[in-house]
Amino acid sequence: MARLLLIPAAMLVLLIGALVWSGGGTQSRADLTFINRGEIGTLDPNRMAWMQDIRVGYCIFEGLYTLDPATLNAVPGASEPAEISADKTVYTFRIRPNARWSNGDPVTTADFVFAWKRMLQEPGDYTSLLYYIKGAREYMKAFAEWGKARSEATAKADPSAAIPAEPGFAGVGIEPLDSRTLRVTLNHPVGFFLDIIAFPCCFPLHEKSMQPFIDKDVRKATGKIVYDKRFTLPPNLLTNGAYELTSWDFKRRIRLTASQYWWNKDAVKTKSIDVVSADDYLWALTIYDTGGVDWLTDMSGELAADLLKKGRKDVHVYPGFGTYFYTFNCKEKLADGRKNPFADVRVRQAFSMAVNKQVIVDNVTRLGEPITTQYIPPYAFEKYPSPKGLGYNVERAKQLMAEAGYPGGKGFPDITLLFNSEGQHGPIAQIVRRQWQEALGVDLRLESIEINTFRQRLHNKEYAVARASWYGDYNDPSTFTDKYKSESDNNDSAWINPEYDALCAKADRERDDGERLKLFAQAEKLLLEEAPILPMYHYMNVYLYRPEQVHGMMHHSRNHQVMWPIEVKR
């Protein structure tokens, strides 16, 4: 509410800024303009992990399978419908004869083999999704060991030092039968495998166009092929989706233009898209209200709630496929070498029990978000027996802190609560900090940093406790549970539990759907009891667009949007 009171005072400056933006540059306005959830971090499919990156990734790339615009179910994309063996472990894909890259080159099986092989050689957040493919995990480990051995041998500068042979790829179940036919063999049936290959990490890449960006120093020292990220900038980036990347004015806007080579180009209604940068919600709303953009993909609950109260019909709110939570670093030592109090499960449980989440959704997010003790949204999967997590219980939290050696917070180390500066994370952090101070007697410092640095700190476990969130990427509970497997690169908490891993592995192989859901529920129960995360509330998605102007927009809990069917009539 307070920020809305600032609008009259700040409006003039913001309005001037908006007008400057809308008249800036030499390009005419795109058919569709929108402000993304945040600044794009990368357009390298192997590195995309955040909503804003993935949203643009779906515009410019296309996997063997892609997302149906109406349902978001996996449907044939660059490939014709797959042939699936009777035991459901062998998938044969035949690439469309008219599938093309944005320079006109044909899309071939080699493009997928290259991208997936690179994914195993340079593991990213989602590399573990390829472990369902026969031999993929083994190849990744062998390649990592080979790189390390080669690097050590090279460092000795001894010409006689033995350089190990690079592991072969022949044992991996990714086989190009010819330039258009790709056979993929799985370790066991995976009911959602087509959903996985429709996800950005499995998009193809155009190897030839990336070759000028190979880091030759790394190649010489380790044998590994690492690419400078400039390969993702225009005009370097070749894509095979409905759009190509034609300009990227950093922290200003990205221009996407319909590809003349996409196999389904005649169906594209929106020929050009501008992705406009605006970190501040109020600034983004001002641009929208002054006609600078057609759509906001996100806005603060505070603003959305007040606009709804005023009767605005262009605010669209619906349940999300994700959860807002806090993450605890579970490593024994913090990044600065000090003992980490959150390595003790009792401390994590105490901090989890000492937060009254209703205060947060009533005063900050304000869109009726359901508070939760669960990680997986209970409404996300039909018949999923959601386990209950740790509830609000200050007295028990105090007991746990005393048992852990911090009675009344005495002796608790100097700890920082980390969050990114965009959005509502600051006000939430202030409430949580105050509640922990009052309930547990601890006084954490708050640290706000920009999003890209925040991502890196989280990924590198350079934090003690931090804000976090997770949206499901595909329609299976594993899209949530996989994140906290020991081997997952997405596991920012460094929480490791072999029993959890075993339950997830057993669920992966279980053929009975009911039993499979029970195994996932057991895994989630273990996660909630050991509390590497503190679930706060399940998301509500918020779009802002004028329905009389923007047609073809869908409201799906996964918060993805296939752009090419959208049409704007201004």
Protein backbone atom coordinates (compact mmCIF):
# COMPACT_ATOMS: atom_id res chain seq x y z
CA MET A 1 0.00 0.00 0.00
CA ALA A 2 2.77 2.42 0.88
CA ARG A 3 4.34 2.20 -2.52
CA LEU A 4 1.11 3.11 -4.23
CA LEU A 5 1.02 6.30 -2.20
CA LEU A 6 4.29 7.22 -3.85
CA ILE A 7 2.83 7.11 -7.33
CA PRO A 8 1.73 10.73 -7.57
CA ALA A 9 5.13 12.03 -6.49
CA ALA A 10 7.12 9.71 -8.68
CA MET A 11 4.75 9.55 -11.62
CA LEU A 12 6.12 12.53 -13.47
CA VAL A 13 9.66 11.21 -13.48
CA LEU A 14 8.54 7.71 -14.40
CA LEU A 15 6.20 8.94 -17.08
CA ILE A 16 8.97 10.93 -18.67
CA GLY A 17 11.12 7.81 -18.56
CA ALA A 18 8.38 5.75 -20.16
CA LEU A 19 7.92 8.24 -22.95
CA VAL A 20 11.65 8.36 -23.53
CA TRP A 21 11.64 4.57 -23.74
CA SER A 22 8.74 4.31 -26.15
CA GLY A 23 10.28 6.83 -28.51
CA GLY A 24 13.86 5.59 -28.15
CA GLY A 25 15.81 3.59 -30.66
CA THR A 26 15.41 3.31 -34.38
CA GLN A 27 13.16 0.23 -34.51
CA SER A 28 9.44 0.51 -34.97
CA ARG A 29 7.24 -1.00 -32.30
CA ALA A 30 6.95 -4.80 -32.34
CA ASP A 31 3.64 -6.63 -32.80
CA LEU A 32 3.81 -7.82 -29.19
CA THR A 33 5.72 -6.04 -26.45
CA PHE A 34 6.07 -7.31 -22.93
CA ILE A 35 8.08 -6.92 -19.76
CA ASN A 36 9.53 -10.18 -18.56
CA ARG A 37 9.76 -11.35 -14.95
CA GLY A 38 13.38 -10.17 -14.80
CA GLU A 39 16.48 -9.51 -16.86
CA ILE A 40 17.54 -12.35 -19.16
CA GLY A 41 20.50 -14.24 -17.68
CA THR A 42 21.35 -16.45 -20.64
CA LEU A 43 19.95 -17.79 -23.90
CA ASP A 44 22.24 -20.81 -23.86
CA PRO A 45 19.82 -23.76 -23.61
CA ASN A 46 22.35 -25.63 -21.50
CA ARG A 47 22.29 -22.85 -18.90
CA MET A 48 18.66 -21.69 -18.90
CA ALA A 49 17.12 -22.26 -15.48
CA TRP A 50 15.09 -19.16 -14.65
CA MET A 51 11.56 -18.36 -15.79
CA GLN A 52 12.48 -15.28 -17.84
CA ASP A 53 15.21 -17.14 -19.77
CA ILE A 54 13.01 -20.16 -20.42
CA ARG A 55 10.13 -17.97 -21.62
CA VAL A 56 12.31 -16.48 -24.38
CA GLY A 57 14.00 -19.83 -25.00
CA TYR A 58 10.67 -21.32 -26.04
CA CYS A 59 10.30 -18.53 -28.61
CA ILE A 60 13.59 -19.01 -30.38
CA PHE A 61 14.34 -22.74 -30.04
CA GLU A 62 12.38 -25.89 -30.58
CA GLY A 63 13.06 -29.40 -29.34
CA LEU A 64 12.12 -32.67 -30.98
CA TYR A 65 8.92 -32.14 -29.05
CA THR A 66 7.50 -28.80 -27.97
CA LEU A 67 4.58 -27.35 -25.99
CA ASP A 68 1.01 -27.33 -27.25
CA PRO A 69 -0.07 -23.65 -27.13
CA ALA A 70 -3.41 -24.48 -25.48
CA THR A 71 -2.52 -27.24 -23.02
CA LEU A 72 1.28 -27.08 -22.66
CA ASN A 73 1.32 -30.83 -23.21
CA ALA A 74 4.29 -32.16 -25.19
CA VAL A 75 3.58 -32.38 -28.92
CA PRO A 76 5.83 -33.00 -31.95
CA GLY A 77 8.06 -30.02 -32.68
CA ALA A 78 11.14 -30.33 -34.87
CA SER A 79 10.34 -34.03 -35.14
CA GLU A 80 7.41 -35.92 -36.51
CA PRO A 81 5.52 -38.06 -33.95
CA ALA A 82 7.96 -40.46 -32.27
CA GLU A 83 7.89 -44.21 -32.68
CA ILE A 84 8.00 -45.83 -29.24
CA SER A 85 9.00 -49.45 -28.66
CA ALA A 86 6.60 -51.87 -27.00
CA ASP A 87 8.60 -51.82 -23.76
CA LYS A 88 8.66 -47.99 -23.91
CA THR A 89 12.42 -47.71 -23.63
CA VAL A 90 13.35 -46.92 -27.27
CA TYR A 91 12.20 -43.72 -28.96
CA THR A 92 12.82 -43.15 -32.65
CA PHE A 93 12.48 -39.57 -33.84
CA ARG A 94 12.37 -38.50 -37.46
CA ILE A 95 13.17 -34.84 -37.94
CA ARG A 96 10.79 -32.90 -40.17
CA PRO A 97 12.23 -32.49 -43.70
CA ASN A 98 11.41 -28.77 -43.57
CA ALA A 99 12.92 -28.09 -40.14
CA ARG A 100 15.46 -25.29 -40.58
CA TRP A 101 17.83 -23.09 -38.64
CA SER A 102 17.47 -19.33 -38.83
CA ASN A 103 20.16 -19.21 -41.55
CA GLY A 104 18.34 -21.79 -43.66
CA ASP A 105 20.52 -24.79 -42.76
CA PRO A 106 18.54 -28.00 -42.23
CA VAL A 107 18.06 -29.20 -38.66
CA THR A 108 19.71 -32.61 -38.39
CA THR A 109 20.22 -35.35 -35.84
CA ALA A 110 23.79 -34.10 -35.43
CA ASP A 111 22.44 -30.87 -33.94
CA PHE A 112 20.70 -32.79 -31.16
CA VAL A 113 23.60 -35.17 -30.57
CA PHE A 114 25.96 -32.20 -30.31
CA ALA A 115 23.73 -30.31 -27.86
CA TRP A 116 23.04 -33.32 -25.63
CA LYS A 117 26.67 -34.45 -25.67
CA ARG A 118 27.76 -30.93 -24.74
CA MET A 119 25.22 -31.02 -21.91
CA LEU A 120 27.00 -34.06 -20.49
CA GLN A 121 30.45 -32.58 -21.03
CA GLU A 122 29.54 -29.22 -19.48
CA PRO A 123 26.92 -30.17 -16.86
CA GLY A 124 24.29 -27.55 -16.13
CA ASP A 125 21.35 -27.30 -13.74
CA TYR A 126 19.28 -29.78 -15.73
CA THR A 127 21.88 -32.26 -16.93
CA SER A 128 20.48 -34.91 -14.60
CA LEU A 129 17.37 -35.09 -16.82
CA LEU A 130 19.51 -36.91 -19.37
CA TYR A 131 20.35 -39.61 -16.83
CA TYR A 132 17.21 -41.41 -17.97
CA ILE A 133 19.09 -42.15 -21.21
CA LYS A 134 21.17 -45.29 -21.28
CA GLY A 135 24.85 -44.65 -20.58
CA ALA A 136 24.46 -40.87 -20.20
CA ARG A 137 25.37 -40.64 -16.52
CA GLU A 138 28.33 -42.99 -16.99
CA TYR A 139 29.62 -40.95 -19.92
CA MET A 140 29.33 -37.71 -17.99
CA LYS A 141 31.37 -39.10 -15.08
CA ALA A 142 33.98 -40.65 -17.38
CA PHE A 143 34.35 -37.39 -19.30
CA ALA A 144 34.77 -35.38 -16.09
CA GLU A 145 37.44 -37.78 -14.85
CA TRP A 146 39.18 -37.64 -18.21
CA GLY A 147 39.18 -33.84 -18.17
CA LYS A 148 40.66 -33.78 -14.70
CA ALA A 149 43.37 -36.31 -15.58
CA ARG A 150 44.25 -34.48 -18.77
CA SER A 151 44.43 -31.17 -16.94
CA GLU A 152 46.76 -32.63 -14.31
CA ALA A 153 48.96 -34.24 -16.94
CA THR A 154 49.17 -31.00 -18.91
CA ALA A 155 50.03 -29.03 -15.78
CA LYS A 156 53.08 -31.20 -15.22
CA ALA A 157 54.49 -29.83 -18.48
CA ASP A 158 56.14 -33.20 -18.94
CA PRO A 159 56.17 -34.34 -22.58
CA SER A 160 56.40 -37.93 -21.41
CA ALA A 161 53.34 -37.64 -19.16
CA ALA A 162 50.60 -39.94 -20.34
CA ILE A 163 47.51 -38.15 -21.63
CA PRO A 164 44.47 -40.37 -21.12
CA ALA A 165 42.25 -41.18 -24.05
CA GLU A 166 38.96 -39.29 -24.30
CA PRO A 167 36.01 -41.54 -23.40
CA GLY A 168 33.87 -42.60 -26.34
CA PHE A 169 30.22 -41.68 -26.83
CA ALA A 170 29.20 -44.94 -28.49
CA GLY A 171 27.83 -46.41 -25.27
CA VAL A 172 25.32 -43.60 -24.82
CA GLY A 173 21.78 -44.27 -26.02
CA ILE A 174 21.74 -41.24 -28.32
CA GLU A 175 22.29 -42.64 -31.81
CA PRO A 176 21.94 -40.81 -35.12
CA LEU A 177 20.79 -43.48 -37.59
CA ASP A 178 21.03 -40.95 -40.39
CA SER A 179 20.78 -37.18 -40.78
CA ARG A 180 17.08 -37.20 -39.96
CA THR A 181 16.59 -40.23 -37.72
CA LEU A 182 17.59 -40.24 -34.05
CA ARG A 183 17.20 -43.26 -31.78
CA VAL A 184 17.15 -42.70 -28.02
CA THR A 185 17.34 -45.64 -25.61
CA LEU A 186 16.30 -45.23 -21.97
CA ASN A 187 17.38 -47.17 -18.92
CA HIS A 188 13.74 -47.90 -18.10
CA PRO A 189 10.32 -46.60 -19.15
CA VAL A 190 9.85 -42.90 -18.36
CA GLY A 191 6.26 -41.81 -18.81
CA PHE A 192 7.14 -38.13 -19.11
CA PHE A 193 10.16 -38.47 -21.40
CA LEU A 194 8.50 -36.47 -24.19
CA ASP A 195 7.89 -33.66 -21.66
CA ILE A 196 11.59 -33.68 -20.85
CA ILE A 197 12.75 -33.35 -24.44
CA ALA A 198 10.30 -30.46 -24.91
CA PHE A 199 12.20 -28.60 -22.17
CA PRO A 200 14.89 -26.01 -23.10
CA CYS A 201 17.87 -28.03 -21.88
CA CYS A 202 17.17 -30.51 -24.70
CA PHE A 203 16.97 -27.97 -27.50
CA PRO A 204 19.44 -28.47 -30.40
CA LEU A 205 22.43 -26.25 -31.12
CA HIS A 206 24.12 -25.25 -34.37
CA GLU A 207 27.70 -26.41 -33.81
CA LYS A 208 29.32 -24.75 -36.80
CA SER A 209 28.16 -21.26 -35.78
CA MET A 210 29.54 -21.83 -32.26
CA GLN A 211 33.03 -22.88 -33.30
CA PRO A 212 34.48 -19.31 -33.43
CA PHE A 213 33.61 -18.99 -29.73
CA ILE A 214 35.55 -21.98 -28.43
CA ASP A 215 37.82 -21.02 -25.52
CA LYS A 216 41.09 -22.31 -26.98
CA ASP A 217 43.04 -21.89 -23.73
CA VAL A 218 40.65 -24.19 -21.88
CA ARG A 219 40.68 -26.60 -24.79
CA LYS A 220 44.47 -26.72 -24.81
CA ALA A 221 44.74 -27.28 -21.05
CA THR A 222 41.91 -29.69 -20.40
CA GLY A 223 40.72 -30.97 -23.75
CA LYS A 224 37.24 -29.71 -22.88
CA ILE A 225 35.32 -27.53 -25.30
CA VAL A 226 33.95 -24.45 -23.57
CA TYR A 227 32.20 -21.66 -25.45
CA ASP A 228 32.36 -17.94 -24.81
CA LYS A 229 28.85 -16.74 -24.00
CA ARG A 230 29.01 -14.27 -26.90
CA PHE A 231 27.76 -17.10 -29.08
CA THR A 232 24.30 -16.38 -27.62
CA LEU A 233 24.28 -12.76 -28.83
CA PRO A 234 22.94 -11.54 -32.16
CA PRO A 235 23.92 -12.07 -34.95
CA ASN A 236 25.92 -15.04 -33.63
CA LEU A 237 23.07 -17.13 -32.22
CA LEU A 238 21.37 -19.42 -34.71
CA THR A 239 17.99 -20.75 -33.61
CA ASN A 240 15.42 -23.19 -34.95
CA GLY A 241 12.21 -21.94 -33.36
CA ALA A 242 9.39 -19.70 -34.47
CA TYR A 243 11.52 -16.60 -33.85
CA GLU A 244 15.11 -15.54 -34.25
CA LEU A 245 17.05 -13.14 -32.06
CA THR A 246 17.64 -9.99 -34.10
CA SER A 247 18.83 -7.51 -31.45
CA TRP A 248 19.73 -7.42 -27.76
CA ASP A 249 20.12 -3.96 -26.25
CA PHE A 250 21.40 -4.94 -22.82
CA LYS A 251 19.08 -3.95 -19.97
CA ARG A 252 16.81 -2.21 -22.46
CA ARG A 253 15.11 -4.66 -24.77
CA ILE A 254 15.42 -7.77 -26.90
CA ARG A 255 13.88 -7.97 -30.37
CA LEU A 256 12.64 -11.29 -31.72
CA THR A 257 11.52 -11.60 -35.34
CA ALA A 258 9.53 -14.41 -36.91
CA SER A 259 11.86 -16.84 -38.64
CA GLN A 260 11.31 -17.23 -42.36
CA TYR A 261 12.63 -20.77 -42.03
CA TRP A 262 10.49 -22.19 -39.23
CA TRP A 263 8.56 -25.20 -40.52
CA ASN A 264 5.22 -23.82 -39.26
CA LYS A 265 5.86 -20.16 -40.11
CA ASP A 266 2.48 -19.63 -41.79
CA ALA A 267 0.76 -20.14 -38.41
CA VAL A 268 2.67 -17.31 -36.74
CA LYS A 269 0.33 -14.41 -35.94
CA THR A 270 2.79 -12.21 -34.10
CA LYS A 271 5.66 -11.41 -36.44
CA SER A 272 7.82 -9.47 -33.99
CA ILE A 273 8.25 -9.36 -30.23
CA ASP A 274 9.98 -6.88 -27.97
CA VAL A 275 11.06 -8.10 -24.54
CA VAL A 276 11.47 -4.90 -22.55
CA SER A 277 13.62 -4.63 -19.43
CA ALA A 278 12.21 -3.04 -16.28
CA ASP A 279 13.38 -4.26 -12.89
CA ASP A 280 10.99 -2.19 -10.81
CA TYR A 281 7.33 -3.19 -10.63
CA LEU A 282 6.11 0.40 -10.41
CA TRP A 283 8.23 1.41 -13.37
CA ALA A 284 6.89 -1.56 -15.36
CA LEU A 285 3.30 -0.62 -14.51
CA THR A 286 3.92 2.94 -15.63
CA ILE A 287 5.24 1.76 -18.98
CA TYR A 288 2.20 -0.47 -19.40
CA ASP A 289 -0.30 2.19 -18.37
CA THR A 290 1.23 4.70 -20.77
CA GLY A 291 0.88 2.20 -23.62
CA GLY A 292 4.56 1.31 -23.87
CA VAL A 293 3.99 -2.45 -23.63
CA ASP A 294 1.08 -4.84 -24.11
CA TRP A 295 1.73 -7.29 -21.31
CA LEU A 296 3.39 -7.62 -17.92
CA THR A 297 4.24 -11.22 -17.12
CA ASP A 298 4.47 -10.50 -13.43
CA MET A 299 3.82 -7.78 -10.88
CA SER A 300 3.90 -7.41 -7.13
CA GLY A 301 0.94 -8.66 -5.17
CA GLU A 302 0.73 -5.26 -3.56
CA LEU A 303 0.16 -3.53 -6.89
CA ALA A 304 -2.06 -6.28 -8.28
CA ALA A 305 -4.27 -6.33 -5.18
CA ASP A 306 -4.79 -2.58 -5.33
CA LEU A 307 -5.55 -2.63 -9.05
CA LEU A 308 -8.09 -5.40 -8.50
CA LYS A 309 -9.65 -3.36 -5.70
CA LYS A 310 -10.04 -0.50 -8.17
CA GLY A 311 -11.90 -2.79 -10.56
CA ARG A 312 -9.20 -3.14 -13.20
CA LYS A 313 -10.27 -5.83 -15.66
CA ASP A 314 -6.79 -6.25 -17.13
CA VAL A 315 -5.36 -7.93 -14.00
CA HIS A 316 -5.43 -11.71 -14.35
CA VAL A 317 -4.67 -13.84 -11.29
CA TYR A 318 -4.64 -17.64 -11.21
CA PRO A 319 -2.92 -20.44 -9.22
CA GLY A 320 0.70 -21.16 -10.02
CA PHE A 321 2.66 -24.40 -10.32
CA GLY A 322 5.27 -23.28 -7.84
CA THR A 323 6.25 -22.51 -4.28
CA TYR A 324 8.00 -19.62 -2.56
CA PHE A 325 10.35 -20.77 0.17
CA TYR A 326 13.55 -20.05 2.06
CA THR A 327 16.56 -22.29 1.59
CA PHE A 328 19.11 -23.18 4.25
CA ASN A 329 22.70 -23.98 3.37
CA CYS A 330 23.25 -27.43 4.91
CA LYS A 331 27.03 -27.66 4.47
CA GLU A 332 29.12 -28.06 7.62
CA LYS A 333 31.02 -24.85 6.91
CA LEU A 334 29.89 -21.53 5.52
CA ALA A 335 31.69 -19.99 2.55
CA ASP A 336 33.90 -17.96 4.91
CA GLY A 337 35.01 -21.09 6.79
CA ARG A 338 32.91 -20.61 9.92
CA LYS A 339 30.80 -23.38 11.40
CA ASN A 340 27.37 -23.36 9.79
CA PRO A 341 24.53 -23.51 12.37
CA PHE A 342 22.10 -24.65 9.65
CA ALA A 343 24.03 -27.89 9.23
CA ASP A 344 22.11 -28.92 12.38
CA VAL A 345 18.64 -30.15 11.46
CA ARG A 346 17.28 -28.86 14.79
CA VAL A 347 18.22 -25.29 13.87
CA ARG A 348 16.59 -25.60 10.47
CA GLN A 349 13.44 -27.01 12.03
CA ALA A 350 13.39 -24.24 14.66
CA PHE A 351 13.70 -21.51 12.04
CA SER A 352 10.97 -23.18 9.99
CA MET A 353 8.56 -23.36 12.94
CA ALA A 354 9.10 -19.75 13.96
CA VAL A 355 7.59 -18.08 10.87
CA ASN A 356 3.95 -16.98 10.79
CA LYS A 357 3.40 -17.06 7.04
CA GLN A 358 -0.11 -15.66 7.14
CA VAL A 359 1.36 -12.26 8.06
CA ILE A 360 3.36 -12.34 4.82
CA VAL A 361 0.53 -13.17 2.44
CA ASP A 362 -1.85 -10.77 4.21
CA ASN A 363 0.52 -7.80 4.17
CA VAL A 364 2.98 -8.27 1.31
CA THR A 365 1.89 -10.65 -1.42
CA ARG A 366 -1.85 -9.97 -0.88
CA LEU A 367 -3.29 -12.15 -3.66
CA GLY A 368 -4.74 -14.88 -1.51
CA GLU A 369 -1.68 -17.09 -1.85
CA PRO A 370 -2.24 -20.30 0.14
CA ILE A 371 0.31 -20.52 2.93
CA THR A 372 1.91 -23.91 3.13
CA THR A 373 4.11 -26.36 4.98
CA GLN A 374 4.57 -28.31 1.74
CA TYR A 375 6.98 -28.07 -1.14
CA ILE A 376 4.90 -29.56 -3.96
CA PRO A 377 1.63 -27.63 -4.46
CA PRO A 378 -1.05 -30.05 -3.17
CA TYR A 379 -3.32 -29.27 -6.11
CA ALA A 380 -0.61 -29.86 -8.73
CA PHE A 381 -1.07 -33.59 -9.25
CA GLU A 382 -4.36 -35.42 -8.98
CA LYS A 383 -4.38 -38.13 -6.26
CA TYR A 384 -0.97 -37.06 -4.93
CA PRO A 385 -1.04 -37.74 -1.13
CA SER A 386 0.63 -34.51 -0.01
CA PRO A 387 2.47 -34.89 3.29
CA LYS A 388 2.29 -32.19 5.94
CA GLY A 389 5.41 -30.32 6.90
CA LEU A 390 6.45 -28.37 9.96
CA GLY A 391 3.76 -26.04 11.25
CA TYR A 392 3.97 -22.74 13.13
CA ASN A 393 5.05 -23.66 16.66
CA VAL A 394 7.15 -21.09 18.48
CA GLU A 395 7.43 -23.03 21.76
CA ARG A 396 8.77 -26.12 19.99
CA ALA A 397 11.11 -23.90 17.96
CA LYS A 398 12.57 -22.46 21.19
CA GLN A 399 13.10 -25.97 22.56
CA LEU A 400 14.91 -27.06 19.39
CA MET A 401 17.20 -24.02 19.53
CA ALA A 402 18.05 -24.81 23.15
CA GLU A 403 18.75 -28.45 22.26
CA ALA A 404 21.03 -27.26 19.46
CA GLY A 405 23.02 -25.11 21.91
CA TYR A 406 21.42 -21.72 21.28
CA PRO A 407 18.96 -21.16 24.18
CA GLY A 408 17.13 -17.89 23.57
CA GLY A 409 19.44 -17.32 20.61
CA LYS A 410 22.48 -17.05 22.89
CA GLY A 411 25.71 -17.82 21.06
CA PHE A 412 24.09 -17.86 17.62
CA PRO A 413 26.63 -16.64 15.06
CA ASP A 414 26.43 -13.52 12.94
CA ILE A 415 24.36 -14.68 9.93
CA THR A 416 23.04 -12.92 6.82
CA LEU A 417 19.70 -13.47 5.13
CA LEU A 418 20.27 -13.13 1.38
CA PHE A 419 17.71 -12.10 -1.25
CA ASN A 420 17.66 -10.46 -4.67
CA SER A 421 16.69 -6.82 -4.84
CA GLU A 422 13.82 -7.14 -7.33
CA GLY A 423 10.23 -7.71 -6.31
CA GLN A 424 8.83 -8.19 -2.82
CA HIS A 425 11.68 -10.17 -1.33
CA GLY A 426 12.87 -7.25 0.80
CA PRO A 427 9.58 -6.68 2.67
CA ILE A 428 9.20 -10.43 3.19
CA ALA A 429 12.73 -10.69 4.53
CA GLN A 430 12.09 -7.87 7.00
CA ILE A 431 9.02 -9.67 8.36
CA VAL A 432 10.82 -13.01 8.64
CA ARG A 433 13.83 -11.42 10.30
CA ARG A 434 11.60 -9.74 12.89
CA GLN A 435 9.73 -12.97 13.60
CA TRP A 436 12.97 -14.92 14.07
CA GLN A 437 14.26 -12.17 16.34
CA GLU A 438 11.12 -12.20 18.51
CA ALA A 439 10.68 -15.98 18.61
CA LEU A 440 14.25 -17.26 18.70
CA GLY A 441 16.30 -14.30 19.94
CA VAL A 442 18.50 -14.19 16.85
CA ASP A 443 19.20 -11.06 14.83
CA LEU A 444 20.13 -11.74 11.21
CA ARG A 445 21.50 -9.10 8.87
CA LEU A 446 19.73 -8.56 5.55
CA GLU A 447 21.65 -8.49 2.28
CA SER A 448 20.00 -7.46 -0.98
CA ILE A 449 21.87 -8.01 -4.26
CA GLU A 450 21.08 -7.90 -7.97
CA ILE A 451 19.61 -10.99 -9.57
CA ASN A 452 22.56 -12.38 -11.52
CA THR A 453 24.90 -12.15 -8.53
CA PHE A 454 22.15 -13.66 -6.38
CA ARG A 455 21.82 -16.63 -8.73
CA GLN A 456 25.55 -17.24 -8.62
CA ARG A 457 25.75 -16.96 -4.83
CA LEU A 458 22.86 -19.39 -4.44
CA HIS A 459 24.31 -21.87 -6.91
CA ASN A 460 27.75 -21.75 -5.28
CA LYS A 461 26.29 -22.12 -1.76
CA GLU A 462 27.75 -18.75 -0.78
CA TYR A 463 24.98 -17.99 1.69
CA ALA A 464 23.56 -19.18 5.01
CA VAL A 465 19.85 -18.66 4.45
CA ALA A 466 18.28 -17.17 1.34
CA ARG A 467 14.98 -16.66 -0.38
CA ALA A 468 14.23 -19.19 -3.12
CA SER A 469 11.41 -20.58 -5.24
CA TRP A 470 10.65 -23.37 -7.66
CA TYR A 471 8.23 -23.77 -10.53
CA GLY A 472 7.55 -27.17 -12.00
CA ASP A 473 8.93 -27.59 -15.51
CA TYR A 474 6.93 -30.57 -16.68
CA ASN A 475 3.88 -32.55 -15.64
CA ASP A 476 5.31 -35.03 -13.15
CA PRO A 477 6.13 -34.82 -9.40
CA SER A 478 9.77 -35.49 -10.23
CA THR A 479 9.96 -31.96 -11.61
CA PHE A 480 9.92 -30.92 -7.95
CA THR A 481 11.62 -33.82 -6.18
CA ASP A 482 14.57 -34.07 -8.60
CA LYS A 483 15.79 -30.68 -7.41
CA TYR A 484 16.84 -32.10 -4.04
CA LYS A 485 18.57 -35.25 -5.23
CA SER A 486 22.19 -35.36 -4.09
CA GLU A 487 23.45 -35.30 -7.67
CA SER A 488 21.23 -32.44 -8.83
CA ASP A 489 22.99 -29.27 -9.88
CA ASN A 490 19.79 -27.45 -8.89
CA ASN A 491 20.18 -28.54 -5.25
CA ASP A 492 21.23 -25.15 -3.86
CA SER A 493 20.84 -26.29 -0.24
CA ALA A 494 23.62 -28.93 -0.42
CA TRP A 495 21.26 -31.18 1.52
CA ILE A 496 22.20 -34.81 0.94
CA ASN A 497 20.08 -37.74 2.05
CA PRO A 498 20.63 -41.23 0.56
CA GLU A 499 17.16 -42.35 1.70
CA TYR A 500 15.62 -39.48 -0.27
CA ASP A 501 17.69 -40.40 -3.33
CA ALA A 502 16.62 -44.04 -3.01
CA LEU A 503 12.93 -43.14 -2.78
CA CYS A 504 13.18 -40.94 -5.87
CA ALA A 505 15.06 -43.66 -7.76
CA LYS A 506 12.46 -46.24 -6.77
CA ALA A 507 9.67 -43.91 -7.90
CA ASP A 508 11.41 -43.45 -11.25
CA ARG A 509 11.16 -47.18 -11.92
CA GLU A 510 7.73 -47.82 -10.39
CA ARG A 511 5.15 -48.69 -13.07
CA ASP A 512 2.06 -48.42 -10.86
CA ASP A 513 0.97 -44.78 -10.84
CA GLY A 514 -0.57 -44.93 -7.37
CA GLU A 515 2.49 -46.53 -5.80
CA ARG A 516 4.69 -44.08 -7.62
CA LEU A 517 2.86 -41.10 -6.12
CA LYS A 518 3.19 -42.67 -2.65
CA LEU A 519 6.96 -42.95 -3.09
CA PHE A 520 7.21 -39.30 -4.12
CA ALA A 521 5.11 -38.37 -1.07
CA GLN A 522 7.49 -40.31 1.19
CA ALA A 523 10.41 -38.45 -0.36
CA GLU A 524 8.72 -35.09 0.12
CA LYS A 525 7.88 -35.97 3.75
CA LEU A 526 11.55 -36.65 4.41
CA LEU A 527 12.51 -33.36 2.77
CA LEU A 528 10.00 -31.44 4.90
CA GLU A 529 11.07 -33.14 8.14
CA GLU A 530 14.75 -32.43 7.58
CA ALA A 531 13.92 -28.89 6.51
CA PRO A 532 16.62 -27.81 4.04
CA ILE A 533 13.82 -25.52 2.86
CA LEU A 534 11.14 -23.50 4.60
CA PRO A 535 8.01 -23.48 2.41
CA MET A 536 6.10 -20.20 2.70
CA TYR A 537 3.26 -20.11 0.18
CA HIS A 538 2.24 -21.40 -3.22
CA TYR A 539 2.37 -18.90 -6.03
CA MET A 540 -0.45 -17.09 -7.70
CA ASN A 541 0.43 -16.12 -11.27
CA VAL A 542 -0.29 -12.52 -12.24
CA TYR A 543 -0.60 -11.22 -15.78
CA LEU A 544 -1.50 -7.67 -16.74
CA TYR A 545 -2.88 -7.24 -20.26
CA ARG A 546 -5.96 -5.79 -21.95
CA PRO A 547 -8.08 -8.77 -23.09
CA GLU A 548 -9.81 -6.63 -25.71
CA GLN A 549 -6.42 -6.06 -27.35
CA VAL A 550 -4.34 -9.15 -26.63
CA HIS A 551 -5.85 -12.35 -27.99
CA GLY A 552 -4.64 -15.93 -27.61
CA MET A 553 -3.17 -15.54 -24.13
CA MET A 554 -3.69 -18.59 -21.93
CA HIS A 555 -3.66 -18.94 -18.16
CA HIS A 556 -1.79 -22.09 -17.23
CA SER A 557 -0.39 -22.80 -13.79
CA ARG A 558 3.05 -23.49 -15.29
CA ASN A 559 3.14 -19.82 -16.33
CA HIS A 560 4.56 -20.55 -19.77
CA GLN A 561 3.20 -18.94 -22.89
CA VAL A 562 3.62 -20.06 -26.49
CA MET A 563 3.95 -16.72 -28.24
CA TRP A 564 3.39 -17.37 -31.91
CA PRO A 565 -0.45 -17.78 -31.69
CA ILE A 566 -0.85 -14.52 -29.73
CA GLU A 567 -2.31 -11.60 -31.64
CA VAL A 568 -2.42 -7.95 -30.54
CA LYS A 569 -5.04 -5.62 -31.99
CA ARG A 570 -4.27 -2.12 -30.76
